[in-house]
Amino acid sequence: MFERIDYRDGDTPLVAQHLRPEGSARAAVAIFPTFMNSTPGVEDKAQALTDAGYAVLIADFYGPDAPPSFEQAFEAMGRLRADPRAMRTRLGTTLKLLRQLHPDLPQLAIGFCLGGMAVLELARDGHELEAVVSFHGLLATPLPASDTIRPRILVCHGDADSLVPRSQVTEFWEEMDRVGANWHFHSYSGVEHGFTNQRMLDGSPNPAYNSSADRQSWAAMHSLFDEVLG
Protein backbone atom coordinates (compact mmCIF):
# COMPACT_ATOMS: atom_id res chain seq x y z
CA MET A 1 0.00 0.00 0.00
CA PHE A 2 1.43 3.34 -1.04
CA GLU A 3 1.76 6.00 1.64
CA ARG A 4 0.86 9.52 0.54
CA ILE A 5 3.44 12.14 1.53
CA ASP A 6 2.83 15.84 1.00
CA TYR A 7 5.79 18.07 0.24
CA ARG A 8 6.43 21.40 -1.48
CA ASP A 9 8.49 23.12 -4.11
CA GLY A 10 8.20 26.71 -2.95
CA ASP A 11 4.52 27.61 -3.24
CA THR A 12 3.64 24.48 -5.22
CA PRO A 13 2.23 21.59 -3.15
CA LEU A 14 3.32 18.14 -4.34
CA VAL A 15 2.27 14.60 -3.44
CA ALA A 16 4.75 11.70 -3.41
CA GLN A 17 3.97 8.00 -3.11
CA HIS A 18 6.12 6.06 -0.67
CA LEU A 19 6.67 2.33 -0.19
CA ARG A 20 8.79 0.52 2.38
CA PRO A 21 9.93 -3.09 2.06
CA GLU A 22 9.37 -5.72 4.68
CA GLY A 23 12.38 -5.68 6.97
CA SER A 24 15.41 -3.45 6.49
CA ALA A 25 15.74 -1.54 3.24
CA ARG A 26 18.89 -2.01 1.18
CA ALA A 27 18.79 1.52 -0.25
CA ALA A 28 16.33 4.31 -1.02
CA VAL A 29 15.24 4.92 -4.61
CA ALA A 30 13.57 8.04 -6.01
CA ILE A 31 11.42 7.12 -9.01
CA PHE A 32 10.68 9.87 -11.53
CA PRO A 33 7.67 8.88 -13.64
CA THR A 34 6.65 9.56 -17.22
CA PHE A 35 5.32 12.93 -18.37
CA MET A 36 1.87 11.62 -17.40
CA ASN A 37 3.10 11.65 -13.78
CA SER A 38 2.60 8.43 -11.85
CA THR A 39 0.80 5.68 -13.78
CA PRO A 40 -0.06 2.04 -13.00
CA GLY A 41 2.99 0.97 -15.01
CA VAL A 42 5.32 3.14 -12.92
CA GLU A 43 3.65 1.97 -9.73
CA ASP A 44 4.24 -1.65 -10.79
CA LYS A 45 7.95 -0.88 -11.16
CA ALA A 46 7.95 0.74 -7.72
CA GLN A 47 6.36 -2.35 -6.22
CA ALA A 48 8.93 -4.58 -7.92
CA LEU A 49 11.75 -2.54 -6.41
CA THR A 50 10.13 -2.71 -2.97
CA ASP A 51 9.78 -6.48 -3.31
CA ALA A 52 13.52 -6.55 -4.05
CA GLY A 53 14.25 -4.79 -0.74
CA TYR A 54 14.33 -1.10 -1.64
CA ALA A 55 12.43 1.82 -0.12
CA VAL A 56 10.92 3.84 -2.97
CA LEU A 57 9.44 7.30 -3.44
CA ILE A 58 7.56 8.21 -6.63
CA ALA A 59 8.03 11.89 -7.44
CA ASP A 60 5.32 14.35 -8.43
CA PHE A 61 6.15 16.63 -11.38
CA TYR A 62 3.11 18.89 -11.38
CA GLY A 63 1.30 19.11 -8.05
CA PRO A 64 -2.42 18.82 -7.24
CA ASP A 65 -3.53 19.89 -10.71
CA ALA A 66 -1.74 16.99 -12.42
CA PRO A 67 -3.17 16.88 -15.96
CA PRO A 68 -5.62 14.05 -16.61
CA SER A 69 -5.22 13.77 -20.39
CA PHE A 70 -2.33 13.18 -22.78
CA GLU A 71 -2.70 16.61 -24.36
CA GLN A 72 -2.84 18.45 -21.03
CA ALA A 73 0.13 16.48 -19.71
CA PHE A 74 2.14 17.37 -22.81
CA GLU A 75 1.40 21.06 -22.21
CA ALA A 76 2.28 20.75 -18.52
CA MET A 77 5.57 19.08 -19.41
CA GLY A 78 6.33 21.96 -21.75
CA ARG A 79 5.75 24.48 -18.96
CA LEU A 80 7.95 22.50 -16.58
CA ARG A 81 10.80 22.24 -19.09
CA ALA A 82 10.56 25.90 -20.14
CA ASP A 83 12.62 26.92 -17.10
CA PRO A 84 15.39 24.30 -16.77
CA ARG A 85 16.79 25.67 -13.52
CA ALA A 86 13.38 25.80 -11.88
CA MET A 87 12.75 22.27 -13.10
CA ARG A 88 15.97 21.09 -11.48
CA THR A 89 14.89 22.74 -8.24
CA ARG A 90 11.60 20.86 -8.35
CA LEU A 91 13.34 17.57 -9.03
CA GLY A 92 15.68 18.22 -6.14
CA THR A 93 12.81 18.57 -3.68
CA THR A 94 12.04 14.88 -4.17
CA LEU A 95 15.63 13.92 -3.35
CA LYS A 96 15.51 16.14 -0.27
CA LEU A 97 12.36 14.35 0.87
CA LEU A 98 13.89 10.94 0.17
CA ARG A 99 16.89 11.81 2.31
CA GLN A 100 14.65 13.05 5.12
CA LEU A 101 12.73 9.77 5.05
CA HIS A 102 15.83 7.55 4.82
CA PRO A 103 18.84 9.53 6.03
CA ASP A 104 21.00 6.47 6.68
CA LEU A 105 20.44 4.67 3.37
CA PRO A 106 22.33 4.95 0.08
CA GLN A 107 20.38 7.10 -2.37
CA LEU A 108 19.56 6.05 -5.95
CA ALA A 109 17.27 7.44 -8.66
CA ILE A 110 15.56 5.96 -11.71
CA GLY A 111 13.19 7.45 -14.25
CA PHE A 112 11.06 6.71 -17.28
CA CYS A 113 10.56 9.03 -20.29
CA LEU A 114 10.51 12.55 -18.79
CA GLY A 115 11.67 10.88 -15.59
CA GLY A 116 14.65 9.42 -17.42
CA MET A 117 15.63 12.92 -18.44
CA ALA A 118 15.00 14.05 -14.84
CA VAL A 119 17.53 11.67 -13.29
CA LEU A 120 20.16 12.72 -15.84
CA GLU A 121 19.47 16.37 -14.98
CA LEU A 122 19.96 15.58 -11.29
CA ALA A 123 23.30 13.92 -12.06
CA ARG A 124 24.35 16.93 -14.14
CA ASP A 125 23.29 19.23 -11.30
CA GLY A 126 25.73 17.66 -8.84
CA HIS A 127 23.38 15.74 -6.56
CA GLU A 128 24.88 13.18 -4.21
CA LEU A 129 23.51 9.89 -5.52
CA GLU A 130 25.13 6.50 -5.84
CA ALA A 131 23.62 5.78 -9.26
CA VAL A 132 20.95 6.96 -11.68
CA VAL A 133 19.17 4.88 -14.31
CA SER A 134 17.27 6.32 -17.28
CA PHE A 135 14.73 4.14 -19.12
CA HIS A 136 13.81 5.56 -22.56
CA GLY A 137 14.68 9.00 -21.21
CA LEU A 138 15.27 12.18 -23.17
CA LEU A 139 18.99 12.91 -23.50
CA ALA A 140 19.25 16.52 -24.70
CA THR A 141 19.71 19.28 -22.15
CA PRO A 142 19.91 23.08 -22.22
CA LEU A 143 22.34 22.89 -19.26
CA PRO A 144 25.09 20.41 -20.16
CA ALA A 145 27.33 19.14 -17.40
CA SER A 146 30.36 21.26 -16.60
CA ASP A 147 31.57 19.67 -13.35
CA THR A 148 32.38 16.13 -12.29
CA ILE A 149 29.34 13.87 -12.06
CA ARG A 150 29.32 11.75 -8.93
CA PRO A 151 26.68 9.05 -9.55
CA ARG A 152 27.22 6.09 -11.81
CA ILE A 153 24.98 6.45 -14.86
CA LEU A 154 23.07 3.78 -16.79
CA VAL A 155 21.02 4.77 -19.82
CA CYS A 156 18.68 2.13 -21.29
CA HIS A 157 17.63 3.37 -24.70
CA GLY A 158 15.58 2.16 -27.65
CA ASP A 159 17.63 2.70 -30.80
CA ALA A 160 14.43 3.43 -32.77
CA ASP A 161 13.25 6.04 -30.22
CA SER A 162 11.58 8.70 -32.40
CA LEU A 163 12.06 11.32 -29.65
CA VAL A 164 15.84 10.86 -29.44
CA PRO A 165 17.72 11.04 -32.75
CA ARG A 166 21.12 9.41 -32.92
CA SER A 167 22.79 12.81 -33.02
CA GLN A 168 21.55 13.38 -29.47
CA VAL A 169 22.95 10.01 -28.43
CA THR A 170 26.45 10.89 -29.55
CA GLU A 171 26.15 14.39 -28.07
CA PHE A 172 25.25 12.78 -24.74
CA TRP A 173 28.26 10.43 -24.88
CA GLU A 174 30.57 13.34 -25.63
CA GLU A 175 29.07 15.43 -22.84
CA MET A 176 29.60 12.62 -20.33
CA ASP A 177 33.16 12.08 -21.50
CA ARG A 178 34.01 15.78 -21.16
CA VAL A 179 33.27 15.67 -17.42
CA GLY A 180 34.70 12.20 -16.82
CA ALA A 181 31.39 10.58 -15.91
CA ASN A 182 31.22 6.85 -15.25
CA TRP A 183 28.48 5.87 -17.70
CA HIS A 184 26.98 2.80 -19.35
CA PHE A 185 24.71 3.11 -22.38
CA HIS A 186 22.56 0.13 -23.43
CA SER A 187 20.85 0.51 -26.80
CA TYR A 188 18.21 -1.96 -28.05
CA SER A 189 17.89 -2.28 -31.82
CA GLY A 190 14.50 -1.61 -33.37
CA VAL A 191 13.01 -0.59 -30.01
CA GLU A 192 10.83 2.52 -29.71
CA HIS A 193 10.22 4.99 -26.90
CA GLY A 194 8.26 3.66 -23.90
CA PHE A 195 9.47 0.06 -24.15
CA THR A 196 9.03 -0.70 -20.43
CA ASN A 197 5.29 -0.02 -20.27
CA GLN A 198 3.01 -2.89 -21.26
CA ARG A 199 -0.24 -0.91 -21.30
CA MET A 200 -1.53 2.42 -22.51
CA LEU A 201 -3.50 4.56 -20.06
CA ASP A 202 -6.78 3.17 -21.38
CA GLY A 203 -5.56 -0.37 -20.70
CA SER A 204 -4.93 -1.27 -24.34
CA PRO A 205 -1.60 -2.91 -25.28
CA ASN A 206 1.26 -0.47 -25.80
CA PRO A 207 2.66 -1.07 -29.31
CA ALA A 208 6.06 0.22 -28.17
CA TYR A 209 6.39 -2.34 -25.37
CA ASN A 210 9.32 -4.70 -25.89
CA SER A 211 9.54 -7.58 -23.43
CA SER A 212 13.20 -8.30 -24.13
CA ALA A 213 14.34 -4.69 -23.71
CA ASP A 214 12.15 -4.33 -20.62
CA ARG A 215 13.58 -7.47 -19.03
CA GLN A 216 17.19 -6.78 -19.95
CA SER A 217 17.13 -3.13 -18.90
CA TRP A 218 15.60 -4.01 -15.53
CA ALA A 219 18.24 -6.69 -15.00
CA ALA A 220 20.96 -4.20 -15.93
CA MET A 221 19.62 -1.78 -13.32
CA HIS A 222 19.77 -4.46 -10.62
CA SER A 223 23.29 -5.41 -11.69
CA LEU A 224 24.44 -1.80 -11.41
CA PHE A 225 22.79 -1.42 -8.01
CA ASP A 226 24.51 -4.59 -6.80
CA GLU A 227 27.83 -3.18 -7.98
CA VAL A 228 27.53 0.24 -6.35
CA LEU A 229 26.00 -1.03 -3.12
CA GLY A 230 28.45 -3.90 -2.67
C-alpha atoms as a PDB file:
ATOM      1  CA  MET A   1       0.000   0.000   0.000  1.00  0.00           C
ATOM      2  CA  PHE A   2       1.429   3.345  -1.038  1.00  0.00           C
ATOM      3  CA  GLU A   3       1.763   6.004   1.639  1.00  0.00           C
ATOM      4  CA  ARG A   4       0.859   9.525   0.536  1.00  0.00           C
ATOM      5  CA  ILE A   5       3.444  12.136   1.531  1.00  0.00           C
ATOM      6  CA  ASP A   6       2.826  15.837   1.000  1.00  0.00           C
ATOM      7  CA  TYR A   7       5.788  18.073   0.243  1.00  0.00           C
ATOM      8  CA  ARG A   8       6.431  21.403  -1.481  1.00  0.00           C
ATOM      9  CA  ASP A   9       8.488  23.122  -4.112  1.00  0.00           C
ATOM     10  CA  GLY A  10       8.204  26.712  -2.952  1.00  0.00           C
ATOM     11  CA  ASP A  11       4.520  27.611  -3.236  1.00  0.00           C
ATOM     12  CA  THR A  12       3.635  24.477  -5.215  1.00  0.00           C
ATOM     13  CA  PRO A  13       2.232  21.586  -3.154  1.00  0.00           C
ATOM     14  CA  LEU A  14       3.323  18.138  -4.341  1.00  0.00           C
ATOM     15  CA  VAL A  15       2.272  14.600  -3.439  1.00  0.00           C
ATOM     16  CA  ALA A  16       4.747  11.703  -3.414  1.00  0.00           C
ATOM     17  CA  GLN A  17       3.967   8.000  -3.113  1.00  0.00           C
ATOM     18  CA  HIS A  18       6.122   6.056  -0.667  1.00  0.00           C
ATOM     19  CA  LEU A  19       6.672   2.329  -0.194  1.00  0.00           C
ATOM     20  CA  ARG A  20       8.793   0.518   2.378  1.00  0.00           C
ATOM     21  CA  PRO A  21       9.931  -3.087   2.061  1.00  0.00           C
ATOM     22  CA  GLU A  22       9.368  -5.718   4.680  1.00  0.00           C
ATOM     23  CA  GLY A  23      12.379  -5.680   6.965  1.00  0.00           C
ATOM     24  CA  SER A  24      15.408  -3.455   6.493  1.00  0.00           C
ATOM     25  CA  ALA A  25      15.744  -1.544   3.245  1.00  0.00           C
ATOM     26  CA  ARG A  26      18.888  -2.007   1.184  1.00  0.00           C
ATOM     27  CA  ALA A  27      18.791   1.517  -0.252  1.00  0.00           C
ATOM     28  CA  ALA A  28      16.328   4.311  -1.017  1.00  0.00           C
ATOM     29  CA  VAL A  29      15.237   4.925  -4.612  1.00  0.00           C
ATOM     30  CA  ALA A  30      13.567   8.038  -6.015  1.00  0.00           C
ATOM     31  CA  ILE A  31      11.418   7.123  -9.013  1.00  0.00           C
ATOM     32  CA  PHE A  32      10.680   9.866 -11.529  1.00  0.00           C
ATOM     33  CA  PRO A  33       7.668   8.876 -13.644  1.00  0.00           C
ATOM     34  CA  THR A  34       6.652   9.559 -17.224  1.00  0.00           C
ATOM     35  CA  PHE A  35       5.322  12.932 -18.366  1.00  0.00           C
ATOM     36  CA  MET A  36       1.865  11.623 -17.398  1.00  0.00           C
ATOM     37  CA  ASN A  37       3.101  11.650 -13.781  1.00  0.00           C
ATOM     38  CA  SER A  38       2.597   8.427 -11.850  1.00  0.00           C
ATOM     39  CA  THR A  39       0.796   5.685 -13.780  1.00  0.00           C
ATOM     40  CA  PRO A  40      -0.059   2.044 -13.004  1.00  0.00           C
ATOM     41  CA  GLY A  41       2.994   0.973 -15.009  1.00  0.00           C
ATOM     42  CA  VAL A  42       5.323   3.139 -12.921  1.00  0.00           C
ATOM     43  CA  GLU A  43       3.655   1.966  -9.735  1.00  0.00           C
ATOM     44  CA  ASP A  44       4.235  -1.652 -10.791  1.00  0.00           C
ATOM     45  CA  LYS A  45       7.948  -0.877 -11.158  1.00  0.00           C
ATOM     46  CA  ALA A  46       7.949   0.739  -7.716  1.00  0.00           C
ATOM     47  CA  GLN A  47       6.358  -2.351  -6.218  1.00  0.00           C
ATOM     48  CA  ALA A  48       8.927  -4.585  -7.920  1.00  0.00           C
ATOM     49  CA  LEU A  49      11.750  -2.542  -6.408  1.00  0.00           C
ATOM     50  CA  THR A  50      10.134  -2.712  -2.971  1.00  0.00           C
ATOM     51  CA  ASP A  51       9.779  -6.476  -3.315  1.00  0.00           C
ATOM     52  CA  ALA A  52      13.524  -6.547  -4.047  1.00  0.00           C
ATOM     53  CA  GLY A  53      14.254  -4.794  -0.743  1.00  0.00           C
ATOM     54  CA  TYR A  54      14.334  -1.100  -1.643  1.00  0.00           C
ATOM     55  CA  ALA A  55      12.429   1.816  -0.125  1.00  0.00           C
ATOM     56  CA  VAL A  56      10.921   3.844  -2.967  1.00  0.00           C
ATOM     57  CA  LEU A  57       9.440   7.299  -3.445  1.00  0.00           C
ATOM     58  CA  ILE A  58       7.555   8.207  -6.631  1.00  0.00           C
ATOM     59  CA  ALA A  59       8.032  11.892  -7.441  1.00  0.00           C
ATOM     60  CA  ASP A  60       5.324  14.353  -8.431  1.00  0.00           C
ATOM     61  CA  PHE A  61       6.151  16.627 -11.383  1.00  0.00           C
ATOM     62  CA  TYR A  62       3.114  18.894 -11.378  1.00  0.00           C
ATOM     63  CA  GLY A  63       1.296  19.106  -8.048  1.00  0.00           C
ATOM     64  CA  PRO A  64      -2.421  18.820  -7.241  1.00  0.00           C
ATOM     65  CA  ASP A  65      -3.526  19.887 -10.714  1.00  0.00           C
ATOM     66  CA  ALA A  66      -1.744  16.991 -12.424  1.00  0.00           C
ATOM     67  CA  PRO A  67      -3.168  16.885 -15.956  1.00  0.00           C
ATOM     68  CA  PRO A  68      -5.623  14.047 -16.612  1.00  0.00           C
ATOM     69  CA  SER A  69      -5.218  13.774 -20.393  1.00  0.00           C
ATOM     70  CA  PHE A  70      -2.330  13.183 -22.776  1.00  0.00           C
ATOM     71  CA  GLU A  71      -2.704  16.608 -24.357  1.00  0.00           C
ATOM     72  CA  GLN A  72      -2.843  18.448 -21.028  1.00  0.00           C
ATOM     73  CA  ALA A  73       0.135  16.476 -19.713  1.00  0.00           C
ATOM     74  CA  PHE A  74       2.141  17.370 -22.806  1.00  0.00           C
ATOM     75  CA  GLU A  75       1.398  21.057 -22.207  1.00  0.00           C
ATOM     76  CA  ALA A  76       2.282  20.750 -18.522  1.00  0.00           C
ATOM     77  CA  MET A  77       5.572  19.084 -19.405  1.00  0.00           C
ATOM     78  CA  GLY A  78       6.331  21.960 -21.750  1.00  0.00           C
ATOM     79  CA  ARG A  79       5.751  24.483 -18.962  1.00  0.00           C
ATOM     80  CA  LEU A  80       7.954  22.497 -16.584  1.00  0.00           C
ATOM     81  CA  ARG A  81      10.799  22.235 -19.093  1.00  0.00           C
ATOM     82  CA  ALA A  82      10.555  25.896 -20.143  1.00  0.00           C
ATOM     83  CA  ASP A  83      12.621  26.924 -17.103  1.00  0.00           C
ATOM     84  CA  PRO A  84      15.393  24.298 -16.767  1.00  0.00           C
ATOM     85  CA  ARG A  85      16.792  25.665 -13.515  1.00  0.00           C
ATOM     86  CA  ALA A  86      13.382  25.800 -11.877  1.00  0.00           C
ATOM     87  CA  MET A  87      12.754  22.272 -13.099  1.00  0.00           C
ATOM     88  CA  ARG A  88      15.972  21.086 -11.479  1.00  0.00           C
ATOM     89  CA  THR A  89      14.888  22.744  -8.236  1.00  0.00           C
ATOM     90  CA  ARG A  90      11.596  20.863  -8.351  1.00  0.00           C
ATOM     91  CA  LEU A  91      13.344  17.566  -9.028  1.00  0.00           C
ATOM     92  CA  GLY A  92      15.684  18.223  -6.136  1.00  0.00           C
ATOM     93  CA  THR A  93      12.809  18.575  -3.676  1.00  0.00           C
ATOM     94  CA  THR A  94      12.044  14.880  -4.168  1.00  0.00           C
ATOM     95  CA  LEU A  95      15.632  13.923  -3.347  1.00  0.00           C
ATOM     96  CA  LYS A  96      15.512  16.137  -0.265  1.00  0.00           C
ATOM     97  CA  LEU A  97      12.355  14.349   0.866  1.00  0.00           C
ATOM     98  CA  LEU A  98      13.886  10.936   0.169  1.00  0.00           C
ATOM     99  CA  ARG A  99      16.892  11.811   2.314  1.00  0.00           C
ATOM    100  CA  GLN A 100      14.652  13.048   5.123  1.00  0.00           C
ATOM    101  CA  LEU A 101      12.732   9.773   5.055  1.00  0.00           C
ATOM    102  CA  HIS A 102      15.825   7.555   4.823  1.00  0.00           C
ATOM    103  CA  PRO A 103      18.844   9.528   6.026  1.00  0.00           C
ATOM    104  CA  ASP A 104      21.003   6.471   6.680  1.00  0.00           C
ATOM    105  CA  LEU A 105      20.441   4.667   3.372  1.00  0.00           C
ATOM    106  CA  PRO A 106      22.330   4.950   0.084  1.00  0.00           C
ATOM    107  CA  GLN A 107      20.380   7.103  -2.366  1.00  0.00           C
ATOM    108  CA  LEU A 108      19.558   6.054  -5.955  1.00  0.00           C
ATOM    109  CA  ALA A 109      17.271   7.441  -8.659  1.00  0.00           C
ATOM    110  CA  ILE A 110      15.561   5.964 -11.708  1.00  0.00           C
ATOM    111  CA  GLY A 111      13.192   7.453 -14.251  1.00  0.00           C
ATOM    112  CA  PHE A 112      11.058   6.705 -17.281  1.00  0.00           C
ATOM    113  CA  CYS A 113      10.558   9.025 -20.287  1.00  0.00           C
ATOM    114  CA  LEU A 114      10.515  12.548 -18.792  1.00  0.00           C
ATOM    115  CA  GLY A 115      11.666  10.876 -15.590  1.00  0.00           C
ATOM    116  CA  GLY A 116      14.646   9.421 -17.415  1.00  0.00           C
ATOM    117  CA  MET A 117      15.629  12.923 -18.438  1.00  0.00           C
ATOM    118  CA  ALA A 118      15.004  14.047 -14.838  1.00  0.00           C
ATOM    119  CA  VAL A 119      17.535  11.670 -13.289  1.00  0.00           C
ATOM    120  CA  LEU A 120      20.159  12.716 -15.836  1.00  0.00           C
ATOM    121  CA  GLU A 121      19.470  16.369 -14.976  1.00  0.00           C
ATOM    122  CA  LEU A 122      19.964  15.575 -11.291  1.00  0.00           C
ATOM    123  CA  ALA A 123      23.298  13.920 -12.058  1.00  0.00           C
ATOM    124  CA  ARG A 124      24.348  16.931 -14.138  1.00  0.00           C
ATOM    125  CA  ASP A 125      23.290  19.229 -11.303  1.00  0.00           C
ATOM    126  CA  GLY A 126      25.729  17.664  -8.844  1.00  0.00           C
ATOM    127  CA  HIS A 127      23.381  15.745  -6.558  1.00  0.00           C
ATOM    128  CA  GLU A 128      24.883  13.175  -4.210  1.00  0.00           C
ATOM    129  CA  LEU A 129      23.509   9.892  -5.520  1.00  0.00           C
ATOM    130  CA  GLU A 130      25.133   6.495  -5.842  1.00  0.00           C
ATOM    131  CA  ALA A 131      23.615   5.781  -9.261  1.00  0.00           C
ATOM    132  CA  VAL A 132      20.954   6.962 -11.681  1.00  0.00           C
ATOM    133  CA  VAL A 133      19.170   4.882 -14.312  1.00  0.00           C
ATOM    134  CA  SER A 134      17.269   6.324 -17.277  1.00  0.00           C
ATOM    135  CA  PHE A 135      14.733   4.143 -19.116  1.00  0.00           C
ATOM    136  CA  HIS A 136      13.805   5.564 -22.556  1.00  0.00           C
ATOM    137  CA  GLY A 137      14.685   9.004 -21.213  1.00  0.00           C
ATOM    138  CA  LEU A 138      15.273  12.182 -23.166  1.00  0.00           C
ATOM    139  CA  LEU A 139      18.991  12.910 -23.503  1.00  0.00           C
ATOM    140  CA  ALA A 140      19.249  16.518 -24.705  1.00  0.00           C
ATOM    141  CA  THR A 141      19.713  19.279 -22.146  1.00  0.00           C
ATOM    142  CA  PRO A 142      19.911  23.079 -22.223  1.00  0.00           C
ATOM    143  CA  LEU A 143      22.338  22.893 -19.257  1.00  0.00           C
ATOM    144  CA  PRO A 144      25.088  20.412 -20.161  1.00  0.00           C
ATOM    145  CA  ALA A 145      27.329  19.140 -17.396  1.00  0.00           C
ATOM    146  CA  SER A 146      30.358  21.260 -16.602  1.00  0.00           C
ATOM    147  CA  ASP A 147      31.571  19.668 -13.347  1.00  0.00           C
ATOM    148  CA  THR A 148      32.383  16.127 -12.293  1.00  0.00           C
ATOM    149  CA  ILE A 149      29.342  13.868 -12.059  1.00  0.00           C
ATOM    150  CA  ARG A 150      29.320  11.747  -8.927  1.00  0.00           C
ATOM    151  CA  PRO A 151      26.683   9.047  -9.546  1.00  0.00           C
ATOM    152  CA  ARG A 152      27.218   6.091 -11.809  1.00  0.00           C
ATOM    153  CA  ILE A 153      24.975   6.450 -14.863  1.00  0.00           C
ATOM    154  CA  LEU A 154      23.074   3.782 -16.786  1.00  0.00           C
ATOM    155  CA  VAL A 155      21.018   4.773 -19.819  1.00  0.00           C
ATOM    156  CA  CYS A 156      18.678   2.135 -21.288  1.00  0.00           C
ATOM    157  CA  HIS A 157      17.629   3.371 -24.702  1.00  0.00           C
ATOM    158  CA  GLY A 158      15.583   2.158 -27.654  1.00  0.00           C
ATOM    159  CA  ASP A 159      17.626   2.702 -30.796  1.00  0.00           C
ATOM    160  CA  ALA A 160      14.434   3.432 -32.766  1.00  0.00           C
ATOM    161  CA  ASP A 161      13.253   6.038 -30.225  1.00  0.00           C
ATOM    162  CA  SER A 162      11.583   8.695 -32.398  1.00  0.00           C
ATOM    163  CA  LEU A 163      12.058  11.317 -29.654  1.00  0.00           C
ATOM    164  CA  VAL A 164      15.836  10.860 -29.441  1.00  0.00           C
ATOM    165  CA  PRO A 165      17.716  11.045 -32.752  1.00  0.00           C
ATOM    166  CA  ARG A 166      21.118   9.411 -32.919  1.00  0.00           C
ATOM    167  CA  SER A 167      22.792  12.812 -33.024  1.00  0.00           C
ATOM    168  CA  GLN A 168      21.550  13.382 -29.466  1.00  0.00           C
ATOM    169  CA  VAL A 169      22.946  10.005 -28.428  1.00  0.00           C
ATOM    170  CA  THR A 170      26.455  10.890 -29.551  1.00  0.00           C
ATOM    171  CA  GLU A 171      26.150  14.385 -28.073  1.00  0.00           C
ATOM    172  CA  PHE A 172      25.249  12.783 -24.742  1.00  0.00           C
ATOM    173  CA  TRP A 173      28.255  10.430 -24.881  1.00  0.00           C
ATOM    174  CA  GLU A 174      30.573  13.340 -25.635  1.00  0.00           C
ATOM    175  CA  GLU A 175      29.072  15.433 -22.837  1.00  0.00           C
ATOM    176  CA  MET A 176      29.596  12.621 -20.329  1.00  0.00           C
ATOM    177  CA  ASP A 177      33.164  12.080 -21.496  1.00  0.00           C
ATOM    178  CA  ARG A 178      34.009  15.781 -21.158  1.00  0.00           C
ATOM    179  CA  VAL A 179      33.273  15.668 -17.421  1.00  0.00           C
ATOM    180  CA  GLY A 180      34.704  12.199 -16.820  1.00  0.00           C
ATOM    181  CA  ALA A 181      31.385  10.585 -15.910  1.00  0.00           C
ATOM    182  CA  ASN A 182      31.216   6.851 -15.252  1.00  0.00           C
ATOM    183  CA  TRP A 183      28.477   5.866 -17.699  1.00  0.00           C
ATOM    184  CA  HIS A 184      26.983   2.799 -19.352  1.00  0.00           C
ATOM    185  CA  PHE A 185      24.709   3.105 -22.376  1.00  0.00           C
ATOM    186  CA  HIS A 186      22.563   0.134 -23.428  1.00  0.00           C
ATOM    187  CA  SER A 187      20.849   0.506 -26.798  1.00  0.00           C
ATOM    188  CA  TYR A 188      18.213  -1.963 -28.049  1.00  0.00           C
ATOM    189  CA  SER A 189      17.891  -2.280 -31.818  1.00  0.00           C
ATOM    190  CA  GLY A 190      14.502  -1.608 -33.371  1.00  0.00           C
ATOM    191  CA  VAL A 191      13.014  -0.590 -30.013  1.00  0.00           C
ATOM    192  CA  GLU A 192      10.835   2.524 -29.711  1.00  0.00           C
ATOM    193  CA  HIS A 193      10.215   4.990 -26.897  1.00  0.00           C
ATOM    194  CA  GLY A 194       8.258   3.659 -23.905  1.00  0.00           C
ATOM    195  CA  PHE A 195       9.469   0.060 -24.150  1.00  0.00           C
ATOM    196  CA  THR A 196       9.028  -0.697 -20.428  1.00  0.00           C
ATOM    197  CA  ASN A 197       5.294  -0.024 -20.266  1.00  0.00           C
ATOM    198  CA  GLN A 198       3.011  -2.892 -21.256  1.00  0.00           C
ATOM    199  CA  ARG A 199      -0.243  -0.913 -21.304  1.00  0.00           C
ATOM    200  CA  MET A 200      -1.535   2.424 -22.510  1.00  0.00           C
ATOM    201  CA  LEU A 201      -3.497   4.562 -20.058  1.00  0.00           C
ATOM    202  CA  ASP A 202      -6.781   3.170 -21.378  1.00  0.00           C
ATOM    203  CA  GLY A 203      -5.557  -0.365 -20.701  1.00  0.00           C
ATOM    204  CA  SER A 204      -4.932  -1.268 -24.338  1.00  0.00           C
ATOM    205  CA  PRO A 205      -1.598  -2.914 -25.276  1.00  0.00           C
ATOM    206  CA  ASN A 206       1.258  -0.472 -25.797  1.00  0.00           C
ATOM    207  CA  PRO A 207       2.662  -1.070 -29.309  1.00  0.00           C
ATOM    208  CA  ALA A 208       6.065   0.216 -28.166  1.00  0.00           C
ATOM    209  CA  TYR A 209       6.393  -2.340 -25.374  1.00  0.00           C
ATOM    210  CA  ASN A 210       9.315  -4.703 -25.886  1.00  0.00           C
ATOM    211  CA  SER A 211       9.536  -7.575 -23.427  1.00  0.00           C
ATOM    212  CA  SER A 212      13.199  -8.301 -24.126  1.00  0.00           C
ATOM    213  CA  ALA A 213      14.338  -4.687 -23.711  1.00  0.00           C
ATOM    214  CA  ASP A 214      12.149  -4.335 -20.622  1.00  0.00           C
ATOM    215  CA  ARG A 215      13.576  -7.473 -19.031  1.00  0.00           C
ATOM    216  CA  GLN A 216      17.193  -6.780 -19.950  1.00  0.00           C
ATOM    217  CA  SER A 217      17.132  -3.135 -18.901  1.00  0.00           C
ATOM    218  CA  TRP A 218      15.595  -4.011 -15.532  1.00  0.00           C
ATOM    219  CA  ALA A 219      18.237  -6.693 -14.996  1.00  0.00           C
ATOM    220  CA  ALA A 220      20.959  -4.195 -15.932  1.00  0.00           C
ATOM    221  CA  MET A 221      19.616  -1.782 -13.323  1.00  0.00           C
ATOM    222  CA  HIS A 222      19.775  -4.459 -10.621  1.00  0.00           C
ATOM    223  CA  SER A 223      23.288  -5.411 -11.695  1.00  0.00           C
ATOM    224  CA  LEU A 224      24.444  -1.802 -11.407  1.00  0.00           C
ATOM    225  CA  PHE A 225      22.791  -1.416  -8.011  1.00  0.00           C
ATOM    226  CA  ASP A 226      24.512  -4.590  -6.804  1.00  0.00           C
ATOM    227  CA  GLU A 227      27.833  -3.182  -7.985  1.00  0.00           C
ATOM    228  CA  VAL A 228      27.535   0.240  -6.353  1.00  0.00           C
ATOM    229  CA  LEU A 229      26.000  -1.028  -3.123  1.00  0.00           C
ATOM    230  CA  GLY A 230      28.446  -3.899  -2.667  1.00  0.00           C
END
